[in-house]
Amino acid sequence: MDHISRIGMDTSKHIFQLHGVNAAEVLVLRKKLRRKEMVTFFEKLPPTAIAVEACGASHHWARLLQSFGHTVKLIPPQLVKPYVKRGKNDAADAEALCEAMSRPTMRFVPVKTAEQQAALMLVGVRDRLIRNRTQLANAIRGYAAEFGVTAAKGVAHLAPLLGRIQSDESLPALARELFATQAKEYAHLQEQIDVVDAKLMAWHRTDERSRRLAKIPGVGPIGAVLLSMKTPEPALFRSGRQFAAWIGLTPKDHSTAGKLRLGVITRAGDEGLRSVLVVGATAVIKQVRRGGNGSPWLIELLKRKPPKLAAVALANKTARIAWKLMITGQSYAVKSGPVAPAGAA
């Protein structure tokens, strides 16, 4: 077999499709392997460059192949798709990966360590618990409304609502029994969230970069933790604008013939990270509109634009500031008076 210069590998749970070329770009390897066969094959193969799509388990395979001496490049799926010639199958995907890896302007995803993935797992568990809590709270409110019992918005008003329901003798015994079961479930979810939040705060206190990011108005500890955990190497981005574009906070561009046509934000990148920045920006704007201190730029923006649009613009600016602080190692300095951060943003 000719010397292989690079390999594109399409992965799945059990089947792995390989596509390899030599230095002359001639196909020298096209093989389908099972899971154990793939590991044995790369253990014996001399060190080479391997392209894998950034998807489920890709970081695990990247770490394993790197331990064999290979160079692994993870490519975002949306950047691989243009190189698929026709149709959709494993062989075509592996060939597209092999081709995409050879492009000089291709962008790659840094391989995460097991510790980094554990930290991201903690964030994912928190997101799921909060979604479950919100779903249960909405269900409780909906059932209570059927009996004419309502409460104000917000998590803080749910416990008093459940207390009123249990003390209301006019409600059927079965309904009060079911509400009591839901109350226990809600309390258990809240306990789990508190445990996860404590672990996130402990991680935040031990991470110097996260503590610096938390000083940005509208970020706070949770936002700082997400920025630290979910951001790849900041040096991979040429500018703060590119970092904001990676998060999905820049407008869609559909310009042609010299005409500039910008649309809504792209919503690319990580939804959780983008959401926490927008929510934090919304909290800052709410405080400014109530008479709190804010930057002159934000005050003038609120005079011209609606609050929701201003929140996205502020989130974009916050992302750029965060990138700058991560690159330089500096701390945020307040220039126009303190603005209380949205701590649980």
C-alpha atoms as a PDB file:
ATOM      1  CA  MET A   1       0.000   0.000   0.000  1.00  0.00           C
ATOM      2  CA  ASP A   2       1.258   3.499  -0.851  1.00  0.00           C
ATOM      3  CA  HIS A   3       2.080   5.769   2.044  1.00  0.00           C
ATOM      4  CA  ILE A   4      -1.100   7.434   3.298  1.00  0.00           C
ATOM      5  CA  SER A   5      -0.835  11.192   3.778  1.00  0.00           C
ATOM      6  CA  ARG A   6      -4.290  11.761   5.296  1.00  0.00           C
ATOM      7  CA  ILE A   7      -7.473   9.882   6.109  1.00  0.00           C
ATOM      8  CA  GLY A   8     -11.078  10.973   6.383  1.00  0.00           C
ATOM      9  CA  MET A   9     -13.071   8.846   8.826  1.00  0.00           C
ATOM     10  CA  ASP A  10     -16.848   8.833   9.009  1.00  0.00           C
ATOM     11  CA  THR A  11     -17.901   7.565  12.424  1.00  0.00           C
ATOM     12  CA  SER A  12     -20.966   5.898  13.891  1.00  0.00           C
ATOM     13  CA  LYS A  13     -21.639   3.669  16.871  1.00  0.00           C
ATOM     14  CA  HIS A  14     -20.351   0.464  15.239  1.00  0.00           C
ATOM     15  CA  ILE A  15     -19.317   1.172  11.613  1.00  0.00           C
ATOM     16  CA  PHE A  16     -16.369   3.359  10.553  1.00  0.00           C
ATOM     17  CA  GLN A  17     -15.744   4.286   6.927  1.00  0.00           C
ATOM     18  CA  LEU A  18     -12.185   5.281   5.932  1.00  0.00           C
ATOM     19  CA  HIS A  19     -11.021   7.243   2.884  1.00  0.00           C
ATOM     20  CA  GLY A  20      -7.281   7.783   2.497  1.00  0.00           C
ATOM     21  CA  VAL A  21      -5.093   9.447  -0.141  1.00  0.00           C
ATOM     22  CA  ASN A  22      -1.350   9.673  -0.684  1.00  0.00           C
ATOM     23  CA  ALA A  23       0.792  12.757  -1.259  1.00  0.00           C
ATOM     24  CA  ALA A  24      -0.257  12.804  -4.944  1.00  0.00           C
ATOM     25  CA  GLU A  25      -3.964  12.958  -3.949  1.00  0.00           C
ATOM     26  CA  VAL A  26      -4.495   9.436  -5.301  1.00  0.00           C
ATOM     27  CA  LEU A  27      -6.987   7.193  -3.510  1.00  0.00           C
ATOM     28  CA  VAL A  28      -5.093   4.424  -1.699  1.00  0.00           C
ATOM     29  CA  LEU A  29      -7.528   3.452   1.056  1.00  0.00           C
ATOM     30  CA  ARG A  30     -11.274   2.852   1.078  1.00  0.00           C
ATOM     31  CA  LYS A  31     -12.352   0.544   3.834  1.00  0.00           C
ATOM     32  CA  LYS A  32     -15.292  -0.111   6.143  1.00  0.00           C
ATOM     33  CA  LEU A  33     -14.393  -1.382   9.600  1.00  0.00           C
ATOM     34  CA  ARG A  34     -16.181  -2.426  12.743  1.00  0.00           C
ATOM     35  CA  ARG A  35     -15.407  -0.730  16.053  1.00  0.00           C
ATOM     36  CA  LYS A  36     -12.697  -3.155  17.270  1.00  0.00           C
ATOM     37  CA  GLU A  37     -11.226  -3.504  13.784  1.00  0.00           C
ATOM     38  CA  MET A  38     -10.871   0.274  13.512  1.00  0.00           C
ATOM     39  CA  VAL A  39      -8.913   0.505  16.761  1.00  0.00           C
ATOM     40  CA  THR A  40      -6.594  -2.336  15.723  1.00  0.00           C
ATOM     41  CA  PHE A  41      -6.080  -0.779  12.268  1.00  0.00           C
ATOM     42  CA  PHE A  42      -4.962   2.595  13.614  1.00  0.00           C
ATOM     43  CA  GLU A  43      -2.788   1.019  16.299  1.00  0.00           C
ATOM     44  CA  LYS A  44      -0.684  -0.593  13.549  1.00  0.00           C
ATOM     45  CA  LEU A  45      -0.837   2.324  11.071  1.00  0.00           C
ATOM     46  CA  PRO A  46       2.152   4.708  10.997  1.00  0.00           C
ATOM     47  CA  PRO A  47       1.367   8.211  12.294  1.00  0.00           C
ATOM     48  CA  THR A  48      -0.816  10.120   9.848  1.00  0.00           C
ATOM     49  CA  ALA A  49      -3.368  12.972   9.737  1.00  0.00           C
ATOM     50  CA  ILE A  50      -6.970  11.943  10.350  1.00  0.00           C
ATOM     51  CA  ALA A  51     -10.097  14.063   9.856  1.00  0.00           C
ATOM     52  CA  VAL A  52     -13.181  13.315  11.929  1.00  0.00           C
ATOM     53  CA  GLU A  53     -16.492  15.165  11.971  1.00  0.00           C
ATOM     54  CA  ALA A  54     -17.106  16.997  15.261  1.00  0.00           C
ATOM     55  CA  CYS A  55     -20.087  15.046  16.576  1.00  0.00           C
ATOM     56  CA  GLY A  56     -21.012  12.634  19.346  1.00  0.00           C
ATOM     57  CA  ALA A  57     -18.004  10.687  20.706  1.00  0.00           C
ATOM     58  CA  SER A  58     -15.651  12.481  18.272  1.00  0.00           C
ATOM     59  CA  HIS A  59     -13.527  13.906  21.094  1.00  0.00           C
ATOM     60  CA  HIS A  60     -13.162  10.417  22.587  1.00  0.00           C
ATOM     61  CA  TRP A  61     -11.962   8.989  19.289  1.00  0.00           C
ATOM     62  CA  ALA A  62      -9.655  11.954  18.789  1.00  0.00           C
ATOM     63  CA  ARG A  63      -7.996  11.392  22.175  1.00  0.00           C
ATOM     64  CA  LEU A  64      -7.657   7.664  21.471  1.00  0.00           C
ATOM     65  CA  LEU A  65      -6.132   8.169  18.009  1.00  0.00           C
ATOM     66  CA  GLN A  66      -3.778  10.828  19.356  1.00  0.00           C
ATOM     67  CA  SER A  67      -2.542   8.298  21.906  1.00  0.00           C
ATOM     68  CA  PHE A  68      -1.502   6.126  18.935  1.00  0.00           C
ATOM     69  CA  GLY A  69       0.628   8.992  17.587  1.00  0.00           C
ATOM     70  CA  HIS A  70      -1.787  10.258  14.916  1.00  0.00           C
ATOM     71  CA  THR A  71      -2.741  13.894  14.256  1.00  0.00           C
ATOM     72  CA  VAL A  72      -6.499  14.312  14.537  1.00  0.00           C
ATOM     73  CA  LYS A  73      -8.478  17.218  13.057  1.00  0.00           C
ATOM     74  CA  LEU A  74     -12.105  17.720  14.103  1.00  0.00           C
ATOM     75  CA  ILE A  75     -14.188  19.565  11.499  1.00  0.00           C
ATOM     76  CA  PRO A  76     -17.646  21.112  12.121  1.00  0.00           C
ATOM     77  CA  PRO A  77     -20.344  19.241  10.127  1.00  0.00           C
ATOM     78  CA  GLN A  78     -21.539  22.401   8.335  1.00  0.00           C
ATOM     79  CA  LEU A  79     -18.036  22.930   6.918  1.00  0.00           C
ATOM     80  CA  VAL A  80     -17.852  19.352   5.608  1.00  0.00           C
ATOM     81  CA  LYS A  81     -21.187  19.337   3.778  1.00  0.00           C
ATOM     82  CA  PRO A  82     -20.026  21.492   0.787  1.00  0.00           C
ATOM     83  CA  TYR A  83     -17.426  18.845  -0.082  1.00  0.00           C
ATOM     84  CA  VAL A  84     -19.943  16.004  -0.439  1.00  0.00           C
ATOM     85  CA  LYS A  85     -20.094  15.537  -4.218  1.00  0.00           C
ATOM     86  CA  ARG A  86     -23.420  13.771  -4.608  1.00  0.00           C
ATOM     87  CA  GLY A  87     -25.759  11.705  -2.503  1.00  0.00           C
ATOM     88  CA  LYS A  88     -25.377  10.880   1.163  1.00  0.00           C
ATOM     89  CA  ASN A  89     -23.588   7.757   2.341  1.00  0.00           C
ATOM     90  CA  ASP A  90     -20.678   6.840   4.587  1.00  0.00           C
ATOM     91  CA  ALA A  91     -18.139   6.602   1.758  1.00  0.00           C
ATOM     92  CA  ALA A  92     -19.095  10.040   0.397  1.00  0.00           C
ATOM     93  CA  ASP A  93     -18.886  11.560   3.875  1.00  0.00           C
ATOM     94  CA  ALA A  94     -15.442  10.067   4.514  1.00  0.00           C
ATOM     95  CA  GLU A  95     -14.215  11.389   1.164  1.00  0.00           C
ATOM     96  CA  ALA A  96     -15.609  14.838   1.947  1.00  0.00           C
ATOM     97  CA  LEU A  97     -13.802  14.844   5.310  1.00  0.00           C
ATOM     98  CA  CYS A  98     -10.543  13.896   3.623  1.00  0.00           C
ATOM     99  CA  GLU A  99     -10.976  16.698   1.089  1.00  0.00           C
ATOM    100  CA  ALA A 100     -12.079  19.328   3.613  1.00  0.00           C
ATOM    101  CA  MET A 101      -9.054  18.667   5.808  1.00  0.00           C
ATOM    102  CA  SER A 102      -6.711  19.601   2.950  1.00  0.00           C
ATOM    103  CA  ARG A 103      -8.133  23.129   2.543  1.00  0.00           C
ATOM    104  CA  PRO A 104      -5.698  25.773   3.847  1.00  0.00           C
ATOM    105  CA  THR A 105      -8.509  27.974   5.228  1.00  0.00           C
ATOM    106  CA  MET A 106     -10.410  25.178   6.953  1.00  0.00           C
ATOM    107  CA  ARG A 107     -11.362  25.787  10.603  1.00  0.00           C
ATOM    108  CA  PHE A 108     -10.978  22.969  13.104  1.00  0.00           C
ATOM    109  CA  VAL A 109     -12.429  22.226  16.533  1.00  0.00           C
ATOM    110  CA  PRO A 110      -9.875  21.808  19.354  1.00  0.00           C
ATOM    111  CA  VAL A 111      -9.940  18.359  20.934  1.00  0.00           C
ATOM    112  CA  LYS A 112     -11.388  18.522  24.446  1.00  0.00           C
ATOM    113  CA  THR A 113      -9.821  16.726  27.382  1.00  0.00           C
ATOM    114  CA  ALA A 114     -11.837  14.326  29.521  1.00  0.00           C
ATOM    115  CA  GLU A 115     -11.860  16.936  32.315  1.00  0.00           C
ATOM    116  CA  GLN A 116     -13.279  19.587  29.972  1.00  0.00           C
ATOM    117  CA  GLN A 117     -16.024  17.228  28.854  1.00  0.00           C
ATOM    118  CA  ALA A 118     -16.876  16.439  32.481  1.00  0.00           C
ATOM    119  CA  ALA A 119     -17.265  20.168  33.172  1.00  0.00           C
ATOM    120  CA  LEU A 120     -19.518  20.553  30.121  1.00  0.00           C
ATOM    121  CA  MET A 121     -21.519  17.560  31.314  1.00  0.00           C
ATOM    122  CA  LEU A 122     -22.140  19.458  34.557  1.00  0.00           C
ATOM    123  CA  VAL A 123     -23.542  22.390  32.545  1.00  0.00           C
ATOM    124  CA  GLY A 124     -25.712  20.037  30.486  1.00  0.00           C
ATOM    125  CA  VAL A 125     -27.111  18.363  33.585  1.00  0.00           C
ATOM    126  CA  ARG A 126     -28.022  21.793  35.011  1.00  0.00           C
ATOM    127  CA  ASP A 127     -29.803  22.796  31.796  1.00  0.00           C
ATOM    128  CA  ARG A 128     -31.843  19.598  31.802  1.00  0.00           C
ATOM    129  CA  LEU A 129     -32.820  19.968  35.474  1.00  0.00           C
ATOM    130  CA  ILE A 130     -33.928  23.566  34.927  1.00  0.00           C
ATOM    131  CA  ARG A 131     -36.020  22.533  31.913  1.00  0.00           C
ATOM    132  CA  ASN A 132     -37.650  19.798  34.007  1.00  0.00           C
ATOM    133  CA  ARG A 133     -38.335  22.272  36.818  1.00  0.00           C
ATOM    134  CA  THR A 134     -39.903  24.760  34.401  1.00  0.00           C
ATOM    135  CA  GLN A 135     -42.041  22.048  32.832  1.00  0.00           C
ATOM    136  CA  LEU A 136     -43.255  20.848  36.238  1.00  0.00           C
ATOM    137  CA  ALA A 137     -43.925  24.394  37.461  1.00  0.00           C
ATOM    138  CA  ASN A 138     -46.027  25.139  34.381  1.00  0.00           C
ATOM    139  CA  ALA A 139     -47.959  21.903  34.887  1.00  0.00           C
ATOM    140  CA  ILE A 140     -48.672  22.767  38.531  1.00  0.00           C
ATOM    141  CA  ARG A 141     -49.860  26.254  37.586  1.00  0.00           C
ATOM    142  CA  GLY A 142     -52.058  24.840  34.832  1.00  0.00           C
ATOM    143  CA  TYR A 143     -53.703  22.275  37.118  1.00  0.00           C
ATOM    144  CA  ALA A 144     -54.160  24.888  39.871  1.00  0.00           C
ATOM    145  CA  ALA A 145     -55.844  27.282  37.443  1.00  0.00           C
ATOM    146  CA  GLU A 146     -58.467  24.582  36.734  1.00  0.00           C
ATOM    147  CA  PHE A 147     -59.539  24.955  40.367  1.00  0.00           C
ATOM    148  CA  GLY A 148     -59.413  28.759  40.293  1.00  0.00           C
ATOM    149  CA  VAL A 149     -56.110  29.029  42.192  1.00  0.00           C
ATOM    150  CA  THR A 150     -53.489  31.298  40.610  1.00  0.00           C
ATOM    151  CA  ALA A 151     -50.193  32.905  41.570  1.00  0.00           C
ATOM    152  CA  ALA A 152     -47.890  35.631  40.292  1.00  0.00           C
ATOM    153  CA  LYS A 153     -45.127  34.878  37.806  1.00  0.00           C
ATOM    154  CA  GLY A 154     -41.776  33.610  39.014  1.00  0.00           C
ATOM    155  CA  VAL A 155     -40.311  30.566  40.736  1.00  0.00           C
ATOM    156  CA  ALA A 156     -40.498  32.304  44.129  1.00  0.00           C
ATOM    157  CA  HIS A 157     -44.317  32.290  44.017  1.00  0.00           C
ATOM    158  CA  LEU A 158     -44.698  28.553  43.389  1.00  0.00           C
ATOM    159  CA  ALA A 159     -44.060  27.350  46.959  1.00  0.00           C
ATOM    160  CA  PRO A 160     -46.734  29.690  48.434  1.00  0.00           C
ATOM    161  CA  LEU A 161     -49.128  28.455  45.734  1.00  0.00           C
ATOM    162  CA  LEU A 162     -48.583  24.830  46.764  1.00  0.00           C
ATOM    163  CA  GLY A 163     -49.043  25.797  50.408  1.00  0.00           C
ATOM    164  CA  ARG A 164     -52.382  27.463  49.667  1.00  0.00           C
ATOM    165  CA  ILE A 165     -53.528  24.407  47.729  1.00  0.00           C
ATOM    166  CA  GLN A 166     -52.736  22.024  50.589  1.00  0.00           C
ATOM    167  CA  SER A 167     -54.615  24.204  53.095  1.00  0.00           C
ATOM    168  CA  ASP A 168     -57.670  24.654  50.852  1.00  0.00           C
ATOM    169  CA  GLU A 169     -60.252  22.173  52.140  1.00  0.00           C
ATOM    170  CA  SER A 170     -62.629  23.007  49.286  1.00  0.00           C
ATOM    171  CA  LEU A 171     -60.411  21.149  46.793  1.00  0.00           C
ATOM    172  CA  PRO A 172     -61.043  17.427  46.216  1.00  0.00           C
ATOM    173  CA  ALA A 173     -58.864  15.114  48.320  1.00  0.00           C
ATOM    174  CA  LEU A 174     -57.493  13.437  45.174  1.00  0.00           C
ATOM    175  CA  ALA A 175     -56.390  16.800  43.732  1.00  0.00           C
ATOM    176  CA  ARG A 176     -54.608  17.778  46.950  1.00  0.00           C
ATOM    177  CA  GLU A 177     -52.911  14.384  47.040  1.00  0.00           C
ATOM    178  CA  LEU A 178     -51.660  14.800  43.458  1.00  0.00           C
ATOM    179  CA  PHE A 179     -50.487  18.357  44.152  1.00  0.00           C
ATOM    180  CA  ALA A 180     -48.561  17.045  47.175  1.00  0.00           C
ATOM    181  CA  THR A 181     -46.835  14.487  44.949  1.00  0.00           C
ATOM    182  CA  GLN A 182     -45.862  17.208  42.487  1.00  0.00           C
ATOM    183  CA  ALA A 183     -44.626  19.389  45.343  1.00  0.00           C
ATOM    184  CA  LYS A 184     -42.276  16.610  46.481  1.00  0.00           C
ATOM    185  CA  GLU A 185     -41.037  16.177  42.910  1.00  0.00           C
ATOM    186  CA  TYR A 186     -40.466  19.921  42.601  1.00  0.00           C
ATOM    187  CA  ALA A 187     -38.555  20.051  45.899  1.00  0.00           C
ATOM    188  CA  HIS A 188     -36.367  17.136  44.772  1.00  0.00           C
ATOM    189  CA  LEU A 189     -35.569  18.892  41.484  1.00  0.00           C
ATOM    190  CA  GLN A 190     -34.698  22.083  43.346  1.00  0.00           C
ATOM    191  CA  GLU A 191     -32.328  20.142  45.635  1.00  0.00           C
ATOM    192  CA  GLN A 192     -30.560  18.649  42.608  1.00  0.00           C
ATOM    193  CA  ILE A 193     -30.232  22.085  40.988  1.00  0.00           C
ATOM    194  CA  ASP A 194     -28.772  23.501  44.195  1.00  0.00           C
ATOM    195  CA  VAL A 195     -26.157  20.720  44.289  1.00  0.00           C
ATOM    196  CA  VAL A 196     -25.159  21.329  40.662  1.00  0.00           C
ATOM    197  CA  ASP A 197     -25.064  25.112  41.205  1.00  0.00           C
ATOM    198  CA  ALA A 198     -22.766  24.601  44.191  1.00  0.00           C
ATOM    199  CA  LYS A 199     -20.389  22.548  42.039  1.00  0.00           C
ATOM    200  CA  LEU A 200     -20.458  25.198  39.311  1.00  0.00           C
ATOM    201  CA  MET A 201     -19.738  27.947  41.831  1.00  0.00           C
ATOM    202  CA  ALA A 202     -16.856  25.924  43.279  1.00  0.00           C
ATOM    203  CA  TRP A 203     -15.453  25.551  39.750  1.00  0.00           C
ATOM    204  CA  HIS A 204     -15.947  29.283  39.179  1.00  0.00           C
ATOM    205  CA  ARG A 205     -14.035  30.241  42.338  1.00  0.00           C
ATOM    206  CA  THR A 206     -11.055  28.083  41.373  1.00  0.00           C
ATOM    207  CA  ASP A 207     -10.859  29.353  37.781  1.00  0.00           C
ATOM    208  CA  GLU A 208      -9.038  32.678  37.437  1.00  0.00           C
ATOM    209  CA  ARG A 209     -10.420  33.443  33.978  1.00  0.00           C
ATOM    210  CA  SER A 210     -13.995  32.774  35.055  1.00  0.00           C
ATOM    211  CA  ARG A 211     -13.632  35.169  37.990  1.00  0.00           C
ATOM    212  CA  ARG A 212     -12.406  37.922  35.656  1.00  0.00           C
ATOM    213  CA  LEU A 213     -15.254  37.389  33.193  1.00  0.00           C
ATOM    214  CA  ALA A 214     -17.843  37.569  35.973  1.00  0.00           C
ATOM    215  CA  LYS A 215     -16.989  41.259  36.447  1.00  0.00           C
ATOM    216  CA  ILE A 216     -18.451  42.132  33.030  1.00  0.00           C
ATOM    217  CA  PRO A 217     -21.932  43.695  33.432  1.00  0.00           C
ATOM    218  CA  GLY A 218     -24.582  41.161  32.476  1.00  0.00           C
ATOM    219  CA  VAL A 219     -22.363  38.098  32.808  1.00  0.00           C
ATOM    220  CA  GLY A 220     -22.157  36.992  36.440  1.00  0.00           C
ATOM    221  CA  PRO A 221     -20.833  33.639  37.737  1.00  0.00           C
ATOM    222  CA  ILE A 222     -22.994  31.299  35.630  1.00  0.00           C
ATOM    223  CA  GLY A 223     -22.347  33.240  32.423  1.00  0.00           C
ATOM    224  CA  ALA A 224     -18.620  33.346  33.205  1.00  0.00           C
ATOM    225  CA  VAL A 225     -18.549  29.586  33.773  1.00  0.00           C
ATOM    226  CA  LEU A 226     -20.285  28.949  30.433  1.00  0.00           C
ATOM    227  CA  LEU A 227     -17.921  31.296  28.598  1.00  0.00           C
ATOM    228  CA  SER A 228     -14.887  29.587  30.137  1.00  0.00           C
ATOM    229  CA  MET A 229     -16.127  26.036  29.568  1.00  0.00           C
ATOM    230  CA  LYS A 230     -17.685  26.300  26.121  1.00  0.00           C
ATOM    231  CA  THR A 231     -15.209  28.624  24.417  1.00  0.00           C
ATOM    232  CA  PRO A 232     -12.440  26.839  22.512  1.00  0.00           C
ATOM    233  CA  GLU A 233      -8.976  28.359  22.447  1.00  0.00           C
ATOM    234  CA  PRO A 234      -9.670  32.135  22.191  1.00  0.00           C
ATOM    235  CA  ALA A 235      -6.610  32.623  19.990  1.00  0.00           C
ATOM    236  CA  LEU A 236      -8.411  30.681  17.239  1.00  0.00           C
ATOM    237  CA  PHE A 237     -10.579  33.763  16.642  1.00  0.00           C
ATOM    238  CA  ARG A 238      -9.026  36.679  14.777  1.00  0.00           C
ATOM    239  CA  SER A 239     -11.216  39.285  16.456  1.00  0.00           C
ATOM    240  CA  GLY A 240     -14.024  39.810  18.918  1.00  0.00           C
ATOM    241  CA  ARG A 241     -16.457  40.090  16.032  1.00  0.00           C
ATOM    242  CA  GLN A 242     -15.510  36.629  14.807  1.00  0.00           C
ATOM    243  CA  PHE A 243     -16.054  35.310  18.322  1.00  0.00           C
ATOM    244  CA  ALA A 244     -19.508  36.946  18.447  1.00  0.00           C
ATOM    245  CA  ALA A 245     -20.255  35.458  15.013  1.00  0.00           C
ATOM    246  CA  TRP A 246     -19.240  32.022  16.304  1.00  0.00           C
ATOM    247  CA  ILE A 247     -21.809  32.386  19.091  1.00  0.00           C
ATOM    248  CA  GLY A 248     -24.442  33.502  16.549  1.00  0.00           C
ATOM    249  CA  LEU A 249     -24.874  37.120  17.643  1.00  0.00           C
ATOM    250  CA  THR A 250     -24.099  38.756  14.290  1.00  0.00           C
ATOM    251  CA  PRO A 251     -26.687  39.410  11.532  1.00  0.00           C
ATOM    252  CA  LYS A 252     -27.104  37.152   8.531  1.00  0.00           C
ATOM    253  CA  ASP A 253     -25.414  38.579   5.459  1.00  0.00           C
ATOM    254  CA  HIS A 254     -27.107  38.156   2.076  1.00  0.00           C
ATOM    255  CA  SER A 255     -25.427  40.987   0.173  1.00  0.00           C
ATOM    256  CA  THR A 256     -24.837  41.042  -3.552  1.00  0.00           C
ATOM    257  CA  ALA A 257     -23.991  43.511  -6.339  1.00  0.00           C
ATOM    258  CA  GLY A 258     -22.670  46.004  -3.813  1.00  0.00           C
ATOM    259  CA  LYS A 259     -25.962  46.094  -1.907  1.00  0.00           C
ATOM    260  CA  LEU A 260     -25.688  45.409   1.811  1.00  0.00           C
ATOM    261  CA  ARG A 261     -28.504  43.178   3.068  1.00  0.00           C
ATOM    262  CA  LEU A 262     -28.374  42.192   6.729  1.00  0.00           C
ATOM    263  CA  GLY A 263     -31.031  40.090   8.410  1.00  0.00           C
ATOM    264  CA  VAL A 264     -31.675  38.676  11.870  1.00  0.00           C
ATOM    265  CA  ILE A 265     -28.887  37.119  13.915  1.00  0.00           C
ATOM    266  CA  THR A 266     -27.553  33.835  12.563  1.00  0.00           C
ATOM    267  CA  ARG A 267     -28.269  31.824  15.752  1.00  0.00           C
ATOM    268  CA  ALA A 268     -25.189  29.771  14.965  1.00  0.00           C
ATOM    269  CA  GLY A 269     -22.992  28.224  17.625  1.00  0.00           C
ATOM    270  CA  ASP A 270     -23.979  27.166  21.113  1.00  0.00           C
ATOM    271  CA  GLU A 271     -27.572  28.016  21.992  1.00  0.00           C
ATOM    272  CA  GLY A 272     -26.983  27.936  25.751  1.00  0.00           C
ATOM    273  CA  LEU A 273     -24.046  30.324  25.597  1.00  0.00           C
ATOM    274  CA  ARG A 274     -25.917  32.730  23.318  1.00  0.00           C
ATOM    275  CA  SER A 275     -28.989  32.587  25.538  1.00  0.00           C
ATOM    276  CA  VAL A 276     -27.099  33.384  28.732  1.00  0.00           C
ATOM    277  CA  LEU A 277     -25.505  36.444  27.136  1.00  0.00           C
ATOM    278  CA  VAL A 278     -28.841  37.752  25.850  1.00  0.00           C
ATOM    279  CA  VAL A 279     -30.573  37.152  29.195  1.00  0.00           C
ATOM    280  CA  GLY A 280     -27.750  38.924  31.011  1.00  0.00           C
ATOM    281  CA  ALA A 281     -27.974  41.855  28.596  1.00  0.00           C
ATOM    282  CA  THR A 282     -31.727  41.996  29.166  1.00  0.00           C
ATOM    283  CA  ALA A 283     -31.139  42.256  32.927  1.00  0.00           C
ATOM    284  CA  VAL A 284     -28.709  45.146  32.424  1.00  0.00           C
ATOM    285  CA  ILE A 285     -31.183  46.972  30.156  1.00  0.00           C
ATOM    286  CA  LYS A 286     -33.990  46.455  32.669  1.00  0.00           C
ATOM    287  CA  GLN A 287     -31.887  48.097  35.362  1.00  0.00           C
ATOM    288  CA  VAL A 288     -30.918  51.006  33.102  1.00  0.00           C
ATOM    289  CA  ARG A 289     -34.572  51.637  32.189  1.00  0.00           C
ATOM    290  CA  ARG A 290     -35.406  51.748  35.898  1.00  0.00           C
ATOM    291  CA  GLY A 291     -32.954  54.585  36.382  1.00  0.00           C
ATOM    292  CA  GLY A 292     -29.736  52.669  37.067  1.00  0.00           C
ATOM    293  CA  ASN A 293     -26.334  53.641  35.730  1.00  0.00           C
ATOM    294  CA  GLY A 294     -25.325  52.501  32.265  1.00  0.00           C
ATOM    295  CA  SER A 295     -22.856  53.248  29.533  1.00  0.00           C
ATOM    296  CA  PRO A 296     -23.616  56.251  27.267  1.00  0.00           C
ATOM    297  CA  TRP A 297     -23.559  53.891  24.283  1.00  0.00           C
ATOM    298  CA  LEU A 298     -26.341  51.746  25.762  1.00  0.00           C
ATOM    299  CA  ILE A 299     -28.426  54.742  26.835  1.00  0.00           C
ATOM    300  CA  GLU A 300     -28.292  56.240  23.325  1.00  0.00           C
ATOM    301  CA  LEU A 301     -29.072  52.844  21.787  1.00  0.00           C
ATOM    302  CA  LEU A 302     -32.198  52.468  23.904  1.00  0.00           C
ATOM    303  CA  LYS A 303     -33.422  55.840  22.620  1.00  0.00           C
ATOM    304  CA  ARG A 304     -33.288  54.582  19.017  1.00  0.00           C
ATOM    305  CA  LYS A 305     -34.018  50.856  19.239  1.00  0.00           C
ATOM    306  CA  PRO A 306     -36.526  48.616  21.028  1.00  0.00           C
ATOM    307  CA  PRO A 307     -35.267  46.834  24.174  1.00  0.00           C
ATOM    308  CA  LYS A 308     -35.109  43.342  22.638  1.00  0.00           C
ATOM    309  CA  LEU A 309     -32.964  44.524  19.743  1.00  0.00           C
ATOM    310  CA  ALA A 310     -30.774  46.491  22.143  1.00  0.00           C
ATOM    311  CA  ALA A 311     -30.357  43.340  24.278  1.00  0.00           C
ATOM    312  CA  VAL A 312     -28.944  41.402  21.332  1.00  0.00           C
ATOM    313  CA  ALA A 313     -26.622  44.292  20.452  1.00  0.00           C
ATOM    314  CA  LEU A 314     -25.434  44.462  24.059  1.00  0.00           C
ATOM    315  CA  ALA A 315     -24.919  40.687  24.127  1.00  0.00           C
ATOM    316  CA  ASN A 316     -22.787  41.043  20.982  1.00  0.00           C
ATOM    317  CA  LYS A 317     -20.710  43.716  22.685  1.00  0.00           C
ATOM    318  CA  THR A 318     -20.396  41.615  25.844  1.00  0.00           C
ATOM    319  CA  ALA A 319     -19.101  38.691  23.781  1.00  0.00           C
ATOM    320  CA  ARG A 320     -16.449  40.931  22.203  1.00  0.00           C
ATOM    321  CA  ILE A 321     -15.385  42.223  25.618  1.00  0.00           C
ATOM    322  CA  ALA A 322     -15.185  38.672  26.965  1.00  0.00           C
ATOM    323  CA  TRP A 323     -12.993  37.596  24.032  1.00  0.00           C
ATOM    324  CA  LYS A 324     -10.661  40.532  24.628  1.00  0.00           C
ATOM    325  CA  LEU A 325     -10.322  39.705  28.312  1.00  0.00           C
ATOM    326  CA  MET A 326      -9.643  36.045  27.538  1.00  0.00           C
ATOM    327  CA  ILE A 327      -6.965  36.984  25.019  1.00  0.00           C
ATOM    328  CA  THR A 328      -5.178  39.647  27.073  1.00  0.00           C
ATOM    329  CA  GLY A 329      -5.697  38.282  30.572  1.00  0.00           C
ATOM    330  CA  GLN A 330      -6.909  41.700  31.731  1.00  0.00           C
ATOM    331  CA  SER A 331      -9.802  42.464  34.089  1.00  0.00           C
ATOM    332  CA  TYR A 332     -12.912  44.474  33.239  1.00  0.00           C
ATOM    333  CA  ALA A 333     -12.764  48.120  34.297  1.00  0.00           C
ATOM    334  CA  VAL A 334     -16.021  50.037  34.785  1.00  0.00           C
ATOM    335  CA  LYS A 335     -15.872  53.464  33.123  1.00  0.00           C
ATOM    336  CA  SER A 336     -19.398  54.839  33.338  1.00  0.00           C
ATOM    337  CA  GLY A 337     -20.428  53.857  36.819  1.00  0.00           C
ATOM    338  CA  PRO A 338     -21.220  50.432  38.235  1.00  0.00           C
ATOM    339  CA  VAL A 339     -23.919  48.273  36.722  1.00  0.00           C
ATOM    340  CA  ALA A 340     -24.900  45.318  38.834  1.00  0.00           C
ATOM    341  CA  PRO A 341     -24.305  42.061  36.932  1.00  0.00           C
ATOM    342  CA  ALA A 342     -27.086  39.579  36.405  1.00  0.00           C
ATOM    343  CA  GLY A 343     -25.539  37.019  38.762  1.00  0.00           C
ATOM    344  CA  ALA A 344     -27.634  34.043  37.666  1.00  0.00           C
ATOM    345  CA  ALA A 345     -27.697  35.017  34.004  1.00  0.00           C
END
